[in-house]
Amino acid sequence: MALAAFMIFEWVDLGFNLQDGHETSFYVVHGVLIAVNIILALVLGTVGVRAWKRGRP
């Protein structure tokens, strides 16, 4: 769950820090990377929460 939270924070922060002046392809590639990593983070977070809930008595 910590990894999922870190991934979301890191990629959203990167998205806001991208500066103007790059080619469109740069933004497309980084947009796809951000979207894929946020989806992976949500999947990892879901797996982590489910595992944590099952581990409780």
PDB file of N, CA and C in Angstrom:
ATOM      1  N   MET A   1       0.822  -1.186   0.000  1.00  0.00           N
ATOM      2  CA  MET A   1       0.000   0.000   0.000  1.00  0.00           C
ATOM      3  C   MET A   1       0.869   1.253   0.000  1.00  0.00           C
ATOM      4  N   ALA A   2       2.015   1.160   0.673  1.00  0.00           N
ATOM      5  CA  ALA A   2       2.926   2.308   0.683  1.00  0.00           C
ATOM      6  C   ALA A   2       3.492   2.552  -0.713  1.00  0.00           C
ATOM      7  N   LEU A   3       3.804   1.487  -1.418  1.00  0.00           N
ATOM      8  CA  LEU A   3       4.316   1.628  -2.782  1.00  0.00           C
ATOM      9  C   LEU A   3       3.265   2.270  -3.678  1.00  0.00           C
ATOM     10  N   ALA A   4       2.015   1.863  -3.530  1.00  0.00           N
ATOM     11  CA  ALA A   4       0.938   2.441  -4.333  1.00  0.00           C
ATOM     12  C   ALA A   4       0.796   3.937  -4.050  1.00  0.00           C
ATOM     13  N   ALA A   5       0.831   4.307  -2.790  1.00  0.00           N
ATOM     14  CA  ALA A   5       0.720   5.722  -2.427  1.00  0.00           C
ATOM     15  C   ALA A   5       1.907   6.511  -2.978  1.00  0.00           C
ATOM     16  N   PHE A   6       3.107   5.945  -2.884  1.00  0.00           N
ATOM     17  CA  PHE A   6       4.287   6.622  -3.409  1.00  0.00           C
ATOM     18  C   PHE A   6       4.190   6.803  -4.919  1.00  0.00           C
ATOM     19  N   MET A   7       3.747   5.764  -5.632  1.00  0.00           N
ATOM     20  CA  MET A   7       3.647   5.842  -7.085  1.00  0.00           C
ATOM     21  C   MET A   7       2.667   6.933  -7.511  1.00  0.00           C
ATOM     22  N   ILE A   8       1.530   6.992  -6.852  1.00  0.00           N
ATOM     23  CA  ILE A   8       0.547   8.018  -7.203  1.00  0.00           C
ATOM     24  C   ILE A   8       1.112   9.405  -6.935  1.00  0.00           C
ATOM     25  N   PHE A   9       1.708   9.594  -5.751  1.00  0.00           N
ATOM     26  CA  PHE A   9       2.280  10.897  -5.421  1.00  0.00           C
ATOM     27  C   PHE A   9       3.354  11.291  -6.424  1.00  0.00           C
ATOM     28  N   GLU A  10       4.272  10.372  -6.713  1.00  0.00           N
ATOM     29  CA  GLU A  10       5.409  10.678  -7.584  1.00  0.00           C
ATOM     30  C   GLU A  10       4.971  11.037  -8.999  1.00  0.00           C
ATOM     31  N   TRP A  11       4.056  10.267  -9.575  1.00  0.00           N
ATOM     32  CA  TRP A  11       3.673  10.511 -10.968  1.00  0.00           C
ATOM     33  C   TRP A  11       2.751  11.711 -11.115  1.00  0.00           C
ATOM     34  N   VAL A  12       1.898  11.959 -10.125  1.00  0.00           N
ATOM     35  CA  VAL A  12       1.071  13.163 -10.180  1.00  0.00           C
ATOM     36  C   VAL A  12       1.962  14.394 -10.032  1.00  0.00           C
ATOM     37  N   ASP A  13       2.941  14.316  -9.142  1.00  0.00           N
ATOM     38  CA  ASP A  13       3.883  15.414  -8.974  1.00  0.00           C
ATOM     39  C   ASP A  13       4.663  15.657 -10.264  1.00  0.00           C
ATOM     40  N   LEU A  14       5.114  14.608 -10.914  1.00  0.00           N
ATOM     41  CA  LEU A  14       5.813  14.758 -12.185  1.00  0.00           C
ATOM     42  C   LEU A  14       4.916  15.416 -13.227  1.00  0.00           C
ATOM     43  N   GLY A  15       3.659  15.013 -13.257  1.00  0.00           N
ATOM     44  CA  GLY A  15       2.726  15.593 -14.216  1.00  0.00           C
ATOM     45  C   GLY A  15       2.566  17.089 -14.043  1.00  0.00           C
ATOM     46  N   PHE A  16       2.539  17.543 -12.807  1.00  0.00           N
ATOM     47  CA  PHE A  16       2.404  18.972 -12.560  1.00  0.00           C
ATOM     48  C   PHE A  16       3.702  19.727 -12.804  1.00  0.00           C
ATOM     49  N   ASN A  17       4.830  19.034 -12.726  1.00  0.00           N
ATOM     50  CA  ASN A  17       6.126  19.700 -12.885  1.00  0.00           C
ATOM     51  C   ASN A  17       6.632  19.726 -14.321  1.00  0.00           C
ATOM     52  N   LEU A  18       5.946  19.095 -15.243  1.00  0.00           N
ATOM     53  CA  LEU A  18       6.374  19.154 -16.634  1.00  0.00           C
ATOM     54  C   LEU A  18       6.236  20.593 -17.128  1.00  0.00           C
ATOM     55  N   GLN A  19       7.285  21.101 -17.710  1.00  0.00           N
ATOM     56  CA  GLN A  19       7.280  22.490 -18.157  1.00  0.00           C
ATOM     57  C   GLN A  19       6.962  22.575 -19.638  1.00  0.00           C
ATOM     58  N   ASP A  20       6.532  23.748 -20.048  1.00  0.00           N
ATOM     59  CA  ASP A  20       6.231  23.988 -21.460  1.00  0.00           C
ATOM     60  C   ASP A  20       7.532  24.019 -22.265  1.00  0.00           C
ATOM     61  N   GLY A  21       7.378  23.885 -23.562  1.00  0.00           N
ATOM     62  CA  GLY A  21       8.526  24.003 -24.430  1.00  0.00           C
ATOM     63  C   GLY A  21       8.984  22.698 -25.037  1.00  0.00           C
ATOM     64  N   HIS A  22       8.288  21.626 -24.742  1.00  0.00           N
ATOM     65  CA  HIS A  22       8.657  20.338 -25.311  1.00  0.00           C
ATOM     66  C   HIS A  22       7.755  20.036 -26.505  1.00  0.00           C
ATOM     67  N   GLU A  23       8.179  19.058 -27.281  1.00  0.00           N
ATOM     68  CA  GLU A  23       7.354  18.618 -28.402  1.00  0.00           C
ATOM     69  C   GLU A  23       6.126  17.881 -27.887  1.00  0.00           C
ATOM     70  N   THR A  24       5.121  17.788 -28.731  1.00  0.00           N
ATOM     71  CA  THR A  24       3.879  17.115 -28.349  1.00  0.00           C
ATOM     72  C   THR A  24       4.131  15.660 -27.992  1.00  0.00           C
ATOM     73  N   SER A  25       5.025  14.994 -28.714  1.00  0.00           N
ATOM     74  CA  SER A  25       5.297  13.585 -28.440  1.00  0.00           C
ATOM     75  C   SER A  25       5.829  13.379 -27.023  1.00  0.00           C
ATOM     76  N   PHE A  26       6.582  14.342 -26.512  1.00  0.00           N
ATOM     77  CA  PHE A  26       7.091  14.270 -25.141  1.00  0.00           C
ATOM     78  C   PHE A  26       5.933  14.208 -24.147  1.00  0.00           C
ATOM     79  N   TYR A  27       4.942  15.049 -24.354  1.00  0.00           N
ATOM     80  CA  TYR A  27       3.797  15.081 -23.446  1.00  0.00           C
ATOM     81  C   TYR A  27       2.923  13.842 -23.605  1.00  0.00           C
ATOM     82  N   VAL A  28       2.798  13.343 -24.822  1.00  0.00           N
ATOM     83  CA  VAL A  28       2.007  12.125 -25.046  1.00  0.00           C
ATOM     84  C   VAL A  28       2.657  10.956 -24.324  1.00  0.00           C
ATOM     85  N   VAL A  29       3.957  10.780 -24.496  1.00  0.00           N
ATOM     86  CA  VAL A  29       4.661   9.666 -23.852  1.00  0.00           C
ATOM     87  C   VAL A  29       4.569   9.772 -22.334  1.00  0.00           C
ATOM     88  N   HIS A  30       4.812  10.941 -21.795  1.00  0.00           N
ATOM     89  CA  HIS A  30       4.754  11.090 -20.345  1.00  0.00           C
ATOM     90  C   HIS A  30       3.320  10.979 -19.823  1.00  0.00           C
ATOM     91  N   GLY A  31       2.355  11.422 -20.588  1.00  0.00           N
ATOM     92  CA  GLY A  31       0.953  11.240 -20.197  1.00  0.00           C
ATOM     93  C   GLY A  31       0.581   9.777 -20.119  1.00  0.00           C
ATOM     94  N   VAL A  32       1.039   8.992 -21.096  1.00  0.00           N
ATOM     95  CA  VAL A  32       0.775   7.543 -21.073  1.00  0.00           C
ATOM     96  C   VAL A  32       1.485   6.895 -19.886  1.00  0.00           C
ATOM     97  N   LEU A  33       2.735   7.272 -19.642  1.00  0.00           N
ATOM     98  CA  LEU A  33       3.461   6.732 -18.496  1.00  0.00           C
ATOM     99  C   LEU A  33       2.752   7.059 -17.178  1.00  0.00           C
ATOM    100  N   ILE A  34       2.303   8.281 -17.051  1.00  0.00           N
ATOM    101  CA  ILE A  34       1.605   8.683 -15.828  1.00  0.00           C
ATOM    102  C   ILE A  34       0.322   7.883 -15.663  1.00  0.00           C
ATOM    103  N   ALA A  35      -0.460   7.749 -16.724  1.00  0.00           N
ATOM    104  CA  ALA A  35      -1.727   7.010 -16.645  1.00  0.00           C
ATOM    105  C   ALA A  35      -1.497   5.550 -16.296  1.00  0.00           C
ATOM    106  N   VAL A  36      -0.540   4.911 -16.957  1.00  0.00           N
ATOM    107  CA  VAL A  36      -0.267   3.490 -16.691  1.00  0.00           C
ATOM    108  C   VAL A  36       0.212   3.295 -15.262  1.00  0.00           C
ATOM    109  N   ASN A  37       1.089   4.150 -14.782  1.00  0.00           N
ATOM    110  CA  ASN A  37       1.600   3.995 -13.432  1.00  0.00           C
ATOM    111  C   ASN A  37       0.541   4.276 -12.372  1.00  0.00           C
ATOM    112  N   ILE A  38      -0.363   5.189 -12.625  1.00  0.00           N
ATOM    113  CA  ILE A  38      -1.443   5.428 -11.670  1.00  0.00           C
ATOM    114  C   ILE A  38      -2.394   4.232 -11.643  1.00  0.00           C
ATOM    115  N   ILE A  39      -2.673   3.653 -12.793  1.00  0.00           N
ATOM    116  CA  ILE A  39      -3.516   2.449 -12.836  1.00  0.00           C
ATOM    117  C   ILE A  39      -2.838   1.311 -12.084  1.00  0.00           C
ATOM    118  N   LEU A  40      -1.532   1.104 -12.315  1.00  0.00           N
ATOM    119  CA  LEU A  40      -0.803   0.067 -11.574  1.00  0.00           C
ATOM    120  C   LEU A  40      -0.827   0.332 -10.068  1.00  0.00           C
ATOM    121  N   ALA A  41      -0.690   1.584  -9.691  1.00  0.00           N
ATOM    122  CA  ALA A  41      -0.724   1.927  -8.271  1.00  0.00           C
ATOM    123  C   ALA A  41      -2.087   1.622  -7.662  1.00  0.00           C
ATOM    124  N   LEU A  42      -3.154   1.904  -8.392  1.00  0.00           N
ATOM    125  CA  LEU A  42      -4.488   1.598  -7.890  1.00  0.00           C
ATOM    126  C   LEU A  42      -4.696   0.092  -7.750  1.00  0.00           C
ATOM    127  N   VAL A  43      -4.191  -0.676  -8.707  1.00  0.00           N
ATOM    128  CA  VAL A  43      -4.288  -2.142  -8.623  1.00  0.00           C
ATOM    129  C   VAL A  43      -3.492  -2.652  -7.422  1.00  0.00           C
ATOM    130  N   LEU A  44      -2.251  -2.169  -7.263  1.00  0.00           N
ATOM    131  CA  LEU A  44      -1.440  -2.590  -6.119  1.00  0.00           C
ATOM    132  C   LEU A  44      -2.087  -2.189  -4.793  1.00  0.00           C
ATOM    133  N   GLY A  45      -2.640  -1.007  -4.744  1.00  0.00           N
ATOM    134  CA  GLY A  45      -3.320  -0.569  -3.529  1.00  0.00           C
ATOM    135  C   GLY A  45      -4.520  -1.429  -3.203  1.00  0.00           C
ATOM    136  N   THR A  46      -5.292  -1.797  -4.222  1.00  0.00           N
ATOM    137  CA  THR A  46      -6.453  -2.671  -4.014  1.00  0.00           C
ATOM    138  C   THR A  46      -6.020  -4.031  -3.500  1.00  0.00           C
ATOM    139  N   VAL A  47      -4.986  -4.605  -4.100  1.00  0.00           N
ATOM    140  CA  VAL A  47      -4.467  -5.902  -3.652  1.00  0.00           C
ATOM    141  C   VAL A  47      -3.967  -5.794  -2.217  1.00  0.00           C
ATOM    142  N   GLY A  48      -3.265  -4.716  -1.903  1.00  0.00           N
ATOM    143  CA  GLY A  48      -2.755  -4.529  -0.550  1.00  0.00           C
ATOM    144  C   GLY A  48      -3.851  -4.394   0.488  1.00  0.00           C
ATOM    145  N   VAL A  49      -4.888  -3.638   0.184  1.00  0.00           N
ATOM    146  CA  VAL A  49      -6.001  -3.463   1.128  1.00  0.00           C
ATOM    147  C   VAL A  49      -6.734  -4.784   1.333  1.00  0.00           C
ATOM    148  N   ARG A  50      -6.967  -5.513   0.258  1.00  0.00           N
ATOM    149  CA  ARG A  50      -7.642  -6.807   0.384  1.00  0.00           C
ATOM    150  C   ARG A  50      -6.816  -7.790   1.208  1.00  0.00           C
ATOM    151  N   ALA A  51      -5.527  -7.832   0.976  1.00  0.00           N
ATOM    152  CA  ALA A  51      -4.646  -8.722   1.743  1.00  0.00           C
ATOM    153  C   ALA A  51      -4.609  -8.321   3.212  1.00  0.00           C
ATOM    154  N   TRP A  52      -4.592  -7.022   3.465  1.00  0.00           N
ATOM    155  CA  TRP A  52      -4.559  -6.538   4.844  1.00  0.00           C
ATOM    156  C   TRP A  52      -5.844  -6.900   5.578  1.00  0.00           C
ATOM    157  N   LYS A  53      -6.985  -6.766   4.890  1.00  0.00           N
ATOM    158  CA  LYS A  53      -8.269  -7.102   5.516  1.00  0.00           C
ATOM    159  C   LYS A  53      -8.393  -8.603   5.765  1.00  0.00           C
ATOM    160  N   ARG A  54      -7.880  -9.426   4.872  1.00  0.00           N
ATOM    161  CA  ARG A  54      -7.945 -10.881   5.065  1.00  0.00           C
ATOM    162  C   ARG A  54      -7.012 -11.360   6.171  1.00  0.00           C
ATOM    163  N   GLY A  55      -5.978 -10.602   6.455  1.00  0.00           N
ATOM    164  CA  GLY A  55      -5.016 -10.994   7.476  1.00  0.00           C
ATOM    165  C   GLY A  55      -5.517 -10.769   8.882  1.00  0.00           C
ATOM    166  N   ARG A  56      -6.570 -10.026   9.034  1.00  0.00           N
ATOM    167  CA  ARG A  56      -7.108  -9.756  10.369  1.00  0.00           C
ATOM    168  C   ARG A  56      -7.979 -10.931  10.830  1.00  0.00           C
ATOM    169  N   PRO A  57      -7.962 -11.225  12.133  1.00  0.00           N
ATOM    170  CA  PRO A  57      -8.811 -12.327  12.659  1.00  0.00           C
ATOM    171  C   PRO A  57     -10.280 -11.988  12.699  1.00  0.00           C
TER     172      PRO A  57
END
